[in-house]
């Protein structure tokens, strides 16, 4: 891998149109699970740029929509054992999943909720999570915001797709080595620049009061 300083100067790669495989949401979830479970002695990387998602079938997310913050946090507590089991399985396979979360502007109820989830995953060892501000990606976004990208084990790249309101639409899968490696290098460079979620959360999220309600304006 190039040094982090060198990688900062690179513009993010753009997946070549027409060369990926379009997957519906069920196909993407199935493909992701099947490929991820085969990874050993390797890392994966996720770039999360959007500021709002409509997770489907998530009881904690549903509680946030209802404005029941206590219930949303209670679900996280109830999921603790499952997160611990995931972390244990990752250690057995010597597999590490890294996440880079871009924060753009004020902390919304959605981001406040999501960062609680990411902190738990990091503290229990299921994921390694770092936070960057929109300034870290500004030079890469002169035309459009960065897409949501996931690199699995240096061999598969997904561009995850959403509606304007953050509803999942599936993904486009790329497996050309040069495309996968280029995005892995870029996300790795952002991760190197990022702040660990533990310190970021303690400073920016922990002092916040419970959100009264969730209000979303489409991006």
C-alpha atoms as a PDB file:
ATOM      1  CA  UNK A   1       0.000   0.000   0.000  1.00  0.00           C
ATOM      2  CA  UNK A   2       1.256   3.572  -0.683  1.00  0.00           C
ATOM      3  CA  UNK A   3       1.886   5.829   2.284  1.00  0.00           C
ATOM      4  CA  UNK A   4      -1.191   7.712   3.554  1.00  0.00           C
ATOM      5  CA  UNK A   5       0.244  11.122   2.540  1.00  0.00           C
ATOM      6  CA  UNK A   6       0.565   9.941  -1.048  1.00  0.00           C
ATOM      7  CA  UNK A   7      -2.924   8.497  -1.100  1.00  0.00           C
ATOM      8  CA  UNK A   8      -4.483  11.771   0.055  1.00  0.00           C
ATOM      9  CA  UNK A   9      -3.438  13.363  -3.229  1.00  0.00           C
ATOM     10  CA  UNK A  10      -5.297  10.776  -5.321  1.00  0.00           C
ATOM     11  CA  UNK A  11      -8.750  11.462  -6.680  1.00  0.00           C
ATOM     12  CA  UNK A  12     -11.185   8.658  -5.893  1.00  0.00           C
ATOM     13  CA  UNK A  13     -11.620   6.167  -8.732  1.00  0.00           C
ATOM     14  CA  UNK A  14     -14.903   6.035 -10.606  1.00  0.00           C
ATOM     15  CA  UNK A  15     -16.306   2.558 -11.335  1.00  0.00           C
ATOM     16  CA  UNK A  16     -16.461   2.149 -15.126  1.00  0.00           C
ATOM     17  CA  UNK A  17     -20.053   2.201 -16.327  1.00  0.00           C
ATOM     18  CA  UNK A  18     -21.285  -0.935 -18.027  1.00  0.00           C
ATOM     19  CA  UNK A  19     -18.630  -3.217 -16.552  1.00  0.00           C
ATOM     20  CA  UNK A  20     -20.342  -4.087 -13.293  1.00  0.00           C
ATOM     21  CA  UNK A  21     -23.101  -6.564 -12.488  1.00  0.00           C
ATOM     22  CA  UNK A  22     -26.363  -4.985 -11.297  1.00  0.00           C
ATOM     23  CA  UNK A  23     -27.850  -6.709  -8.254  1.00  0.00           C
ATOM     24  CA  UNK A  24     -31.254  -6.217  -6.671  1.00  0.00           C
ATOM     25  CA  UNK A  25     -31.369  -5.687  -2.897  1.00  0.00           C
ATOM     26  CA  UNK A  26     -32.010  -9.398  -2.138  1.00  0.00           C
ATOM     27  CA  UNK A  27     -29.323 -10.433  -4.626  1.00  0.00           C
ATOM     28  CA  UNK A  28     -26.838  -7.979  -3.107  1.00  0.00           C
ATOM     29  CA  UNK A  29     -27.470  -9.171   0.442  1.00  0.00           C
ATOM     30  CA  UNK A  30     -27.101 -12.813  -0.592  1.00  0.00           C
ATOM     31  CA  UNK A  31     -23.991 -12.178  -2.708  1.00  0.00           C
ATOM     32  CA  UNK A  32     -22.383 -10.116   0.064  1.00  0.00           C
ATOM     33  CA  UNK A  33     -23.001 -12.784   2.721  1.00  0.00           C
ATOM     34  CA  UNK A  34     -21.714 -15.617   0.549  1.00  0.00           C
ATOM     35  CA  UNK A  35     -18.535 -13.799  -0.450  1.00  0.00           C
ATOM     36  CA  UNK A  36     -17.826 -12.383   3.001  1.00  0.00           C
ATOM     37  CA  UNK A  37     -18.040 -15.740   4.795  1.00  0.00           C
ATOM     38  CA  UNK A  38     -15.268 -17.088   2.566  1.00  0.00           C
ATOM     39  CA  UNK A  39     -12.794 -14.377   3.587  1.00  0.00           C
ATOM     40  CA  UNK A  40      -9.949 -15.366   5.918  1.00  0.00           C
ATOM     41  CA  UNK A  41      -6.760 -13.514   6.881  1.00  0.00           C
ATOM     42  CA  UNK A  42      -7.922 -10.328   5.154  1.00  0.00           C
ATOM     43  CA  UNK A  43      -9.678  -7.003   5.601  1.00  0.00           C
ATOM     44  CA  UNK A  44     -12.707  -5.307   4.106  1.00  0.00           C
ATOM     45  CA  UNK A  45     -13.423  -1.584   3.796  1.00  0.00           C
ATOM     46  CA  UNK A  46     -16.619   0.459   3.678  1.00  0.00           C
ATOM     47  CA  UNK A  47     -17.084   4.116   2.763  1.00  0.00           C
ATOM     48  CA  UNK A  48     -20.332   5.553   4.122  1.00  0.00           C
ATOM     49  CA  UNK A  49     -21.002   8.998   2.655  1.00  0.00           C
ATOM     50  CA  UNK A  50     -24.762   9.552   2.683  1.00  0.00           C
ATOM     51  CA  UNK A  51     -26.121  11.319   5.742  1.00  0.00           C
ATOM     52  CA  UNK A  52     -29.412   9.439   5.857  1.00  0.00           C
ATOM     53  CA  UNK A  53     -30.551   5.883   5.178  1.00  0.00           C
ATOM     54  CA  UNK A  54     -33.895   4.127   5.486  1.00  0.00           C
ATOM     55  CA  UNK A  55     -32.852   0.803   6.990  1.00  0.00           C
ATOM     56  CA  UNK A  56     -35.472  -1.857   6.406  1.00  0.00           C
ATOM     57  CA  UNK A  57     -36.647  -4.285   9.082  1.00  0.00           C
ATOM     58  CA  UNK A  58     -34.553  -2.796  11.897  1.00  0.00           C
ATOM     59  CA  UNK A  59     -36.474  -2.554  15.203  1.00  0.00           C
ATOM     60  CA  UNK A  60     -34.143   0.125  16.564  1.00  0.00           C
ATOM     61  CA  UNK A  61     -34.520   2.166  13.387  1.00  0.00           C
ATOM     62  CA  UNK A  62     -38.286   1.777  13.609  1.00  0.00           C
ATOM     63  CA  UNK A  63     -38.181   3.099  17.182  1.00  0.00           C
ATOM     64  CA  UNK A  64     -36.241   6.153  16.011  1.00  0.00           C
ATOM     65  CA  UNK A  65     -38.915   6.836  13.394  1.00  0.00           C
ATOM     66  CA  UNK A  66     -41.532   6.738  16.154  1.00  0.00           C
ATOM     67  CA  UNK A  67     -39.469   9.123  18.256  1.00  0.00           C
ATOM     68  CA  UNK A  68     -38.920   6.490  20.979  1.00  0.00           C
ATOM     69  CA  UNK A  69     -35.237   7.041  21.741  1.00  0.00           C
ATOM     70  CA  UNK A  70     -35.201   4.818  24.826  1.00  0.00           C
ATOM     71  CA  UNK A  71     -36.589   1.919  22.814  1.00  0.00           C
ATOM     72  CA  UNK A  72     -34.021   2.492  20.052  1.00  0.00           C
ATOM     73  CA  UNK A  73     -31.165   2.263  22.553  1.00  0.00           C
ATOM     74  CA  UNK A  74     -32.765  -0.694  24.309  1.00  0.00           C
ATOM     75  CA  UNK A  75     -32.709  -2.671  21.055  1.00  0.00           C
ATOM     76  CA  UNK A  76     -28.969  -1.992  20.747  1.00  0.00           C
ATOM     77  CA  UNK A  77     -28.473  -3.415  24.229  1.00  0.00           C
ATOM     78  CA  UNK A  78     -30.497  -6.490  23.308  1.00  0.00           C
ATOM     79  CA  UNK A  79     -28.307  -7.003  20.220  1.00  0.00           C
ATOM     80  CA  UNK A  80     -25.083  -6.967  22.233  1.00  0.00           C
ATOM     81  CA  UNK A  81     -24.678 -10.747  22.347  1.00  0.00           C
ATOM     82  CA  UNK A  82     -25.095 -11.019  18.574  1.00  0.00           C
ATOM     83  CA  UNK A  83     -22.435  -8.341  18.038  1.00  0.00           C
ATOM     84  CA  UNK A  84     -20.067 -10.160  20.415  1.00  0.00           C
ATOM     85  CA  UNK A  85     -20.643 -13.397  18.481  1.00  0.00           C
ATOM     86  CA  UNK A  86     -19.879 -11.601  15.212  1.00  0.00           C
ATOM     87  CA  UNK A  87     -16.652 -10.223  16.658  1.00  0.00           C
ATOM     88  CA  UNK A  88     -15.649 -13.696  17.892  1.00  0.00           C
ATOM     89  CA  UNK A  89     -16.249 -15.180  14.442  1.00  0.00           C
ATOM     90  CA  UNK A  90     -14.197 -12.413  12.815  1.00  0.00           C
ATOM     91  CA  UNK A  91     -11.288 -13.156  15.151  1.00  0.00           C
ATOM     92  CA  UNK A  92     -11.521 -16.866  14.350  1.00  0.00           C
ATOM     93  CA  UNK A  93     -11.209 -16.074  10.643  1.00  0.00           C
ATOM     94  CA  UNK A  94      -8.613 -13.330  11.246  1.00  0.00           C
ATOM     95  CA  UNK A  95     -10.917 -10.986   9.399  1.00  0.00           C
ATOM     96  CA  UNK A  96     -11.308  -7.233   9.994  1.00  0.00           C
ATOM     97  CA  UNK A  97     -14.067  -4.981   8.681  1.00  0.00           C
ATOM     98  CA  UNK A  98     -13.158  -1.271   8.571  1.00  0.00           C
ATOM     99  CA  UNK A  99     -15.736   1.489   8.204  1.00  0.00           C
ATOM    100  CA  UNK A 100     -15.185   5.149   7.309  1.00  0.00           C
ATOM    101  CA  UNK A 101     -18.143   7.335   8.279  1.00  0.00           C
ATOM    102  CA  UNK A 102     -18.274  10.802   6.672  1.00  0.00           C
ATOM    103  CA  UNK A 103     -19.976  13.459   8.804  1.00  0.00           C
ATOM    104  CA  UNK A 104     -21.286  16.403   6.795  1.00  0.00           C
ATOM    105  CA  UNK A 105     -22.621  19.270   8.888  1.00  0.00           C
ATOM    106  CA  UNK A 106     -24.817  19.061  11.959  1.00  0.00           C
ATOM    107  CA  UNK A 107     -25.531  15.828  13.782  1.00  0.00           C
ATOM    108  CA  UNK A 108     -29.065  14.824  12.844  1.00  0.00           C
ATOM    109  CA  UNK A 109     -31.213  12.374  14.837  1.00  0.00           C
ATOM    110  CA  UNK A 110     -30.367   9.716  12.262  1.00  0.00           C
ATOM    111  CA  UNK A 111     -26.618  10.212  12.610  1.00  0.00           C
ATOM    112  CA  UNK A 112     -26.902  10.338  16.397  1.00  0.00           C
ATOM    113  CA  UNK A 113     -28.673   6.979  16.246  1.00  0.00           C
ATOM    114  CA  UNK A 114     -26.277   5.410  13.759  1.00  0.00           C
ATOM    115  CA  UNK A 115     -23.181   6.486  15.656  1.00  0.00           C
ATOM    116  CA  UNK A 116     -24.505   4.743  18.772  1.00  0.00           C
ATOM    117  CA  UNK A 117     -24.707   1.567  16.707  1.00  0.00           C
ATOM    118  CA  UNK A 118     -21.243   2.026  15.203  1.00  0.00           C
ATOM    119  CA  UNK A 119     -19.730   2.702  18.616  1.00  0.00           C
ATOM    120  CA  UNK A 120     -21.131  -0.547  19.973  1.00  0.00           C
ATOM    121  CA  UNK A 121     -19.749  -2.469  17.002  1.00  0.00           C
ATOM    122  CA  UNK A 122     -16.332  -0.893  17.504  1.00  0.00           C
ATOM    123  CA  UNK A 123     -16.225  -1.356  21.272  1.00  0.00           C
ATOM    124  CA  UNK A 124     -17.188  -5.021  20.991  1.00  0.00           C
ATOM    125  CA  UNK A 125     -14.707  -5.674  18.183  1.00  0.00           C
ATOM    126  CA  UNK A 126     -17.098  -6.442  15.337  1.00  0.00           C
ATOM    127  CA  UNK A 127     -15.914  -3.492  13.189  1.00  0.00           C
ATOM    128  CA  UNK A 128     -13.188  -0.878  13.285  1.00  0.00           C
ATOM    129  CA  UNK A 129     -14.728   2.534  12.724  1.00  0.00           C
ATOM    130  CA  UNK A 130     -13.266   5.957  12.048  1.00  0.00           C
ATOM    131  CA  UNK A 131     -14.954   9.266  11.324  1.00  0.00           C
ATOM    132  CA  UNK A 132     -13.943  11.954   8.816  1.00  0.00           C
ATOM    133  CA  UNK A 133     -15.571  15.292   8.111  1.00  0.00           C
ATOM    134  CA  UNK A 134     -16.792  16.430   4.713  1.00  0.00           C
ATOM    135  CA  UNK A 135     -13.567  18.448   4.412  1.00  0.00           C
ATOM    136  CA  UNK A 136     -11.643  15.193   4.003  1.00  0.00           C
ATOM    137  CA  UNK A 137     -13.573  14.352   0.839  1.00  0.00           C
ATOM    138  CA  UNK A 138     -14.183  17.889  -0.487  1.00  0.00           C
ATOM    139  CA  UNK A 139     -11.535  17.704  -3.214  1.00  0.00           C
ATOM    140  CA  UNK A 140     -13.061  14.448  -4.421  1.00  0.00           C
ATOM    141  CA  UNK A 141     -16.552  15.917  -4.658  1.00  0.00           C
ATOM    142  CA  UNK A 142     -16.207  18.779  -7.102  1.00  0.00           C
ATOM    143  CA  UNK A 143     -18.761  17.116  -9.421  1.00  0.00           C
ATOM    144  CA  UNK A 144     -20.909  14.927  -7.154  1.00  0.00           C
ATOM    145  CA  UNK A 145     -20.866  13.323  -3.698  1.00  0.00           C
ATOM    146  CA  UNK A 146     -18.875  10.151  -3.317  1.00  0.00           C
ATOM    147  CA  UNK A 147     -20.846   6.932  -3.733  1.00  0.00           C
ATOM    148  CA  UNK A 148     -21.360   4.327  -1.035  1.00  0.00           C
ATOM    149  CA  UNK A 149     -18.643   1.725  -1.623  1.00  0.00           C
ATOM    150  CA  UNK A 150     -17.682  -1.586  -0.026  1.00  0.00           C
ATOM    151  CA  UNK A 151     -14.519  -3.578  -0.739  1.00  0.00           C
ATOM    152  CA  UNK A 152     -14.596  -7.222   0.339  1.00  0.00           C
ATOM    153  CA  UNK A 153     -11.243  -8.873   0.917  1.00  0.00           C
ATOM    154  CA  UNK A 154      -9.455  -7.101  -1.961  1.00  0.00           C
ATOM    155  CA  UNK A 155     -11.429  -9.080  -4.549  1.00  0.00           C
ATOM    156  CA  UNK A 156     -14.954  -7.621  -4.757  1.00  0.00           C
ATOM    157  CA  UNK A 157     -16.220  -4.038  -4.919  1.00  0.00           C
ATOM    158  CA  UNK A 158     -19.844  -3.019  -4.460  1.00  0.00           C
ATOM    159  CA  UNK A 159     -21.303   0.369  -5.275  1.00  0.00           C
ATOM    160  CA  UNK A 160     -24.376   0.358  -3.028  1.00  0.00           C
ATOM    161  CA  UNK A 161     -27.384   2.156  -4.494  1.00  0.00           C
ATOM    162  CA  UNK A 162     -30.171   4.142  -2.819  1.00  0.00           C
ATOM    163  CA  UNK A 163     -33.080   6.349  -3.735  1.00  0.00           C
ATOM    164  CA  UNK A 164     -32.857  10.065  -2.961  1.00  0.00           C
ATOM    165  CA  UNK A 165     -34.590   9.318   0.346  1.00  0.00           C
ATOM    166  CA  UNK A 166     -32.088   6.627   1.306  1.00  0.00           C
ATOM    167  CA  UNK A 167     -34.127   3.518   0.495  1.00  0.00           C
ATOM    168  CA  UNK A 168     -31.886   0.599  -0.613  1.00  0.00           C
ATOM    169  CA  UNK A 169     -31.908  -0.225  -4.327  1.00  0.00           C
ATOM    170  CA  UNK A 170     -29.301  -2.985  -4.440  1.00  0.00           C
ATOM    171  CA  UNK A 171     -25.778  -2.600  -5.763  1.00  0.00           C
ATOM    172  CA  UNK A 172     -23.422  -2.876  -8.697  1.00  0.00           C
ATOM    173  CA  UNK A 173     -20.667  -5.473  -8.261  1.00  0.00           C
ATOM    174  CA  UNK A 174     -17.190  -5.054  -9.725  1.00  0.00           C
ATOM    175  CA  UNK A 175     -14.447  -7.677  -9.679  1.00  0.00           C
ATOM    176  CA  UNK A 176     -11.805  -6.236 -12.039  1.00  0.00           C
ATOM    177  CA  UNK A 177      -8.648  -6.232  -9.854  1.00  0.00           C
ATOM    178  CA  UNK A 178      -7.559  -2.724 -10.856  1.00  0.00           C
ATOM    179  CA  UNK A 179     -10.964  -1.281  -9.966  1.00  0.00           C
ATOM    180  CA  UNK A 180     -11.178  -3.074  -6.629  1.00  0.00           C
ATOM    181  CA  UNK A 181      -7.620  -2.162  -5.634  1.00  0.00           C
ATOM    182  CA  UNK A 182      -8.023   1.503  -6.600  1.00  0.00           C
ATOM    183  CA  UNK A 183     -11.038   1.898  -4.312  1.00  0.00           C
ATOM    184  CA  UNK A 184      -9.410  -0.098  -1.538  1.00  0.00           C
ATOM    185  CA  UNK A 185      -6.448   2.284  -1.618  1.00  0.00           C
ATOM    186  CA  UNK A 186      -8.690   5.329  -1.514  1.00  0.00           C
ATOM    187  CA  UNK A 187     -10.860   4.140   1.375  1.00  0.00           C
ATOM    188  CA  UNK A 188      -7.761   3.016   3.254  1.00  0.00           C
ATOM    189  CA  UNK A 189      -6.326   6.512   2.888  1.00  0.00           C
ATOM    190  CA  UNK A 190      -9.482   8.075   4.327  1.00  0.00           C
ATOM    191  CA  UNK A 191      -9.405   5.613   7.204  1.00  0.00           C
ATOM    192  CA  UNK A 192      -5.799   6.600   7.924  1.00  0.00           C
ATOM    193  CA  UNK A 193      -6.885  10.244   8.187  1.00  0.00           C
ATOM    194  CA  UNK A 194      -9.947   9.542  10.290  1.00  0.00           C
ATOM    195  CA  UNK A 195     -10.602   9.874  14.020  1.00  0.00           C
ATOM    196  CA  UNK A 196     -11.411   6.762  16.008  1.00  0.00           C
ATOM    197  CA  UNK A 197     -15.125   6.652  16.752  1.00  0.00           C
ATOM    198  CA  UNK A 198     -14.488   6.266  20.489  1.00  0.00           C
ATOM    199  CA  UNK A 199     -12.952   9.719  20.896  1.00  0.00           C
ATOM    200  CA  UNK A 200     -15.288  11.313  18.345  1.00  0.00           C
ATOM    201  CA  UNK A 201     -18.350   9.898  20.088  1.00  0.00           C
ATOM    202  CA  UNK A 202     -17.206  11.011  23.532  1.00  0.00           C
ATOM    203  CA  UNK A 203     -16.723  14.581  22.328  1.00  0.00           C
ATOM    204  CA  UNK A 204     -19.537  15.085  19.798  1.00  0.00           C
ATOM    205  CA  UNK A 205     -22.291  12.563  20.509  1.00  0.00           C
ATOM    206  CA  UNK A 206     -22.307  11.590  24.180  1.00  0.00           C
ATOM    207  CA  UNK A 207     -23.191  15.154  25.383  1.00  0.00           C
ATOM    208  CA  UNK A 208     -26.252  15.356  23.101  1.00  0.00           C
ATOM    209  CA  UNK A 209     -29.742  15.148  24.526  1.00  0.00           C
ATOM    210  CA  UNK A 210     -32.105  12.519  23.194  1.00  0.00           C
ATOM    211  CA  UNK A 211     -33.542  13.635  19.850  1.00  0.00           C
ATOM    212  CA  UNK A 212     -37.143  14.746  20.159  1.00  0.00           C
ATOM    213  CA  UNK A 213     -38.118  13.483  16.711  1.00  0.00           C
ATOM    214  CA  UNK A 214     -36.607  12.623  13.387  1.00  0.00           C
ATOM    215  CA  UNK A 215     -36.962  15.109  10.565  1.00  0.00           C
ATOM    216  CA  UNK A 216     -35.548  14.343   7.158  1.00  0.00           C
ATOM    217  CA  UNK A 217     -35.150  16.498   4.110  1.00  0.00           C
ATOM    218  CA  UNK A 218     -34.215  14.491   0.988  1.00  0.00           C
ATOM    219  CA  UNK A 219     -30.627  15.035  -0.136  1.00  0.00           C
END
